[in-house]
Structures are given as structure tokens and as C-alpha cells.
Amino acid sequence: MSDDAQQQQCPKCNSPYGYSDGQLWVCPECFHEWSTDEQEEEVAPGFADVNGNPLSDGDSVTVIRDLKAGNSTIKSGTKVKKIRLLDEPVNGHDISCKIDGHGHIYLKCSVVKKA
């Protein structure tokens, strides 16, 4: 086999040492995982979590710090399922979602990490 079939360039850090691990490719330098079947159009441009991982509609994320939401607080570690990325940001917020106990809320990509 050629080297191209055994290694692939990481789309996150451009490392040339990506290797196949079953159905996913893994970067040994930044630990990013990706699939060669992924279409780049599926990932909305500019939407990335705090670690730089691309976000897309329907992803699950985890809140990385306590957030004030009206009279209550969304605790760090709260898991949010089925996010929707906004084409037009609302007051600087990129994500629309529902959180149990808080209802419909907007979040920023900078306060979440992909779950």
C-alpha cells in the first residue's frame, strides 16, 4: 500500500500523521477524530466548540462553565442535546437549544464543548 492509504492529513491541525482506527481517522498530535466519508458541507462554517471541534445541527454539547439564565444558573457539565446552529446570531449567541428546567435558550459556541 502507498503512504496515502495509510496516513491522512488532519483537518484540524494539518498533521501529516493521521491514521485509520476502524471507521475513523485519528490524529496522534491533537487527538482529533474524523471520517473520510464526512462532507465538509455538513459542518457550518465558523461554528466550533471551545476546543475547536466543528459543530453541526443535532450535535450534543456540554456546558463548560456556570451560566446565569434569568434567576437560575445553568451548571457546568450540563449536557445539551439536539442543538440548532443559528444562521443569524441572536445577541452574539450562535446556538439555539432546550435545556431541562430552563426551557428554550441561546448559547455561545465559546461556552460549550462537543459531547
Protein backbone atom coordinates (compact mmCIF):
# COMPACT_ATOMS: atom_id res chain seq x y z
CA MET A 1 0.00 0.00 0.00
CA SER A 2 1.07 3.55 -0.58
CA ASP A 3 1.64 6.01 2.27
CA ASP A 4 -1.50 7.92 1.20
CA ALA A 5 -3.66 4.89 2.01
CA GLN A 6 -2.07 4.51 5.47
CA GLN A 7 -1.87 8.15 6.58
CA GLN A 8 -4.01 11.20 6.06
CA GLN A 9 -3.55 14.87 6.94
CA CYS A 10 -5.51 16.02 10.00
CA PRO A 11 -8.14 18.61 9.01
CA LYS A 12 -7.79 20.34 12.40
CA CYS A 13 -4.03 20.76 12.91
CA ASN A 14 -2.72 19.69 9.47
CA SER A 15 -0.52 16.99 10.97
CA PRO A 16 0.56 14.50 8.28
CA TYR A 17 0.41 11.59 10.76
CA GLY A 18 -3.34 10.81 10.81
CA TYR A 19 -4.01 7.08 10.98
CA SER A 20 -7.04 4.86 10.45
CA ASP A 21 -8.69 3.37 13.55
CA GLY A 22 -11.53 1.31 12.15
CA GLN A 23 -14.07 3.67 10.60
CA LEU A 24 -12.45 6.87 11.90
CA TRP A 25 -9.15 8.61 11.30
CA VAL A 26 -7.24 9.80 14.38
CA CYS A 27 -4.58 12.48 14.74
CA PRO A 28 -1.86 11.47 17.25
CA GLU A 29 -0.86 15.10 17.77
CA CYS A 30 -4.19 16.83 18.59
CA PHE A 31 -6.37 13.68 19.09
CA HIS A 32 -8.95 14.93 16.57
CA GLU A 33 -11.12 12.17 15.05
CA TRP A 34 -12.76 12.40 11.64
CA SER A 35 -14.32 10.29 8.95
CA THR A 36 -13.28 10.42 5.30
CA ASP A 37 -16.97 9.97 4.45
CA GLU A 38 -17.88 13.28 6.11
CA GLN A 39 -18.94 16.00 3.74
CA GLU A 40 -17.46 19.38 4.59
CA GLU A 41 -20.82 20.99 3.77
CA GLU A 42 -22.40 19.24 6.78
CA VAL A 43 -20.36 21.42 9.13
CA ALA A 44 -21.47 25.02 9.19
CA PRO A 45 -18.51 27.35 8.63
CA GLY A 46 -17.34 29.17 11.73
CA PHE A 47 -19.19 27.03 14.27
CA ALA A 48 -16.68 25.36 16.58
CA ASP A 49 -16.73 24.50 20.27
CA VAL A 50 -14.23 25.80 22.82
CA ASN A 51 -11.72 23.11 21.72
CA GLY A 52 -12.04 23.95 18.02
CA ASN A 53 -14.15 20.90 17.15
CA PRO A 54 -16.69 21.68 14.43
CA LEU A 55 -20.34 21.78 15.49
CA SER A 56 -23.35 20.92 13.36
CA ASP A 57 -27.12 20.85 13.82
CA GLY A 58 -28.27 17.97 16.02
CA ASP A 59 -25.00 17.62 17.96
CA SER A 60 -24.90 17.16 21.72
CA VAL A 61 -22.72 19.53 23.73
CA THR A 62 -21.71 20.05 27.35
CA VAL A 63 -21.67 23.46 29.06
CA ILE A 64 -18.13 24.17 30.33
CA ARG A 65 -18.89 26.80 32.99
CA ASP A 66 -21.76 28.04 35.14
CA LEU A 67 -24.04 30.42 33.21
CA LYS A 68 -26.60 32.85 34.58
CA ALA A 69 -30.01 32.34 32.94
CA GLY A 70 -32.54 34.74 34.38
CA ASN A 71 -33.00 33.91 38.08
CA SER A 72 -31.33 30.50 37.80
CA THR A 73 -27.94 29.10 36.81
CA ILE A 74 -27.03 26.52 34.18
CA LYS A 75 -24.37 24.44 35.90
CA SER A 76 -21.06 23.46 34.35
CA GLY A 77 -21.30 19.93 32.94
CA THR A 78 -24.93 20.25 31.84
CA LYS A 79 -25.45 18.16 28.70
CA VAL A 80 -27.50 19.72 25.91
CA LYS A 81 -28.89 17.52 23.13
CA LYS A 82 -30.01 18.37 19.58
CA ILE A 83 -28.56 21.86 19.26
CA ARG A 84 -29.51 24.08 16.33
CA LEU A 85 -26.93 26.47 14.88
CA LEU A 86 -28.25 29.91 14.01
CA ASP A 87 -27.66 31.49 10.61
CA GLU A 88 -28.19 34.92 12.20
CA PRO A 89 -26.69 35.21 15.73
CA VAL A 90 -29.05 36.48 18.44
CA ASN A 91 -27.20 38.98 20.67
CA GLY A 92 -23.93 37.19 19.89
CA HIS A 93 -25.34 33.73 20.61
CA ASP A 94 -24.78 31.03 17.97
CA ILE A 95 -26.78 28.07 19.34
CA SER A 96 -30.48 27.57 19.95
CA CYS A 97 -31.45 24.70 22.27
CA LYS A 98 -33.72 23.47 25.04
CA ILE A 99 -32.33 22.70 28.48
CA ASP A 100 -34.37 20.75 31.02
CA GLY A 101 -35.51 23.07 33.79
CA HIS A 102 -34.62 26.20 31.78
CA GLY A 103 -36.62 25.84 28.56
CA HIS A 104 -35.58 27.37 25.23
CA ILE A 105 -32.27 29.20 25.47
CA TYR A 106 -29.47 30.61 23.31
CA LEU A 107 -25.80 29.73 23.94
CA LYS A 108 -22.44 30.80 22.55
CA CYS A 109 -20.08 28.29 20.94
CA SER A 110 -17.35 29.54 23.28
CA VAL A 111 -19.08 28.08 26.37
CA VAL A 112 -19.70 24.54 25.10
CA LYS A 113 -17.68 21.50 24.14
CA LYS A 114 -18.83 18.73 21.87
CA ALA A 115 -20.10 15.75 23.86
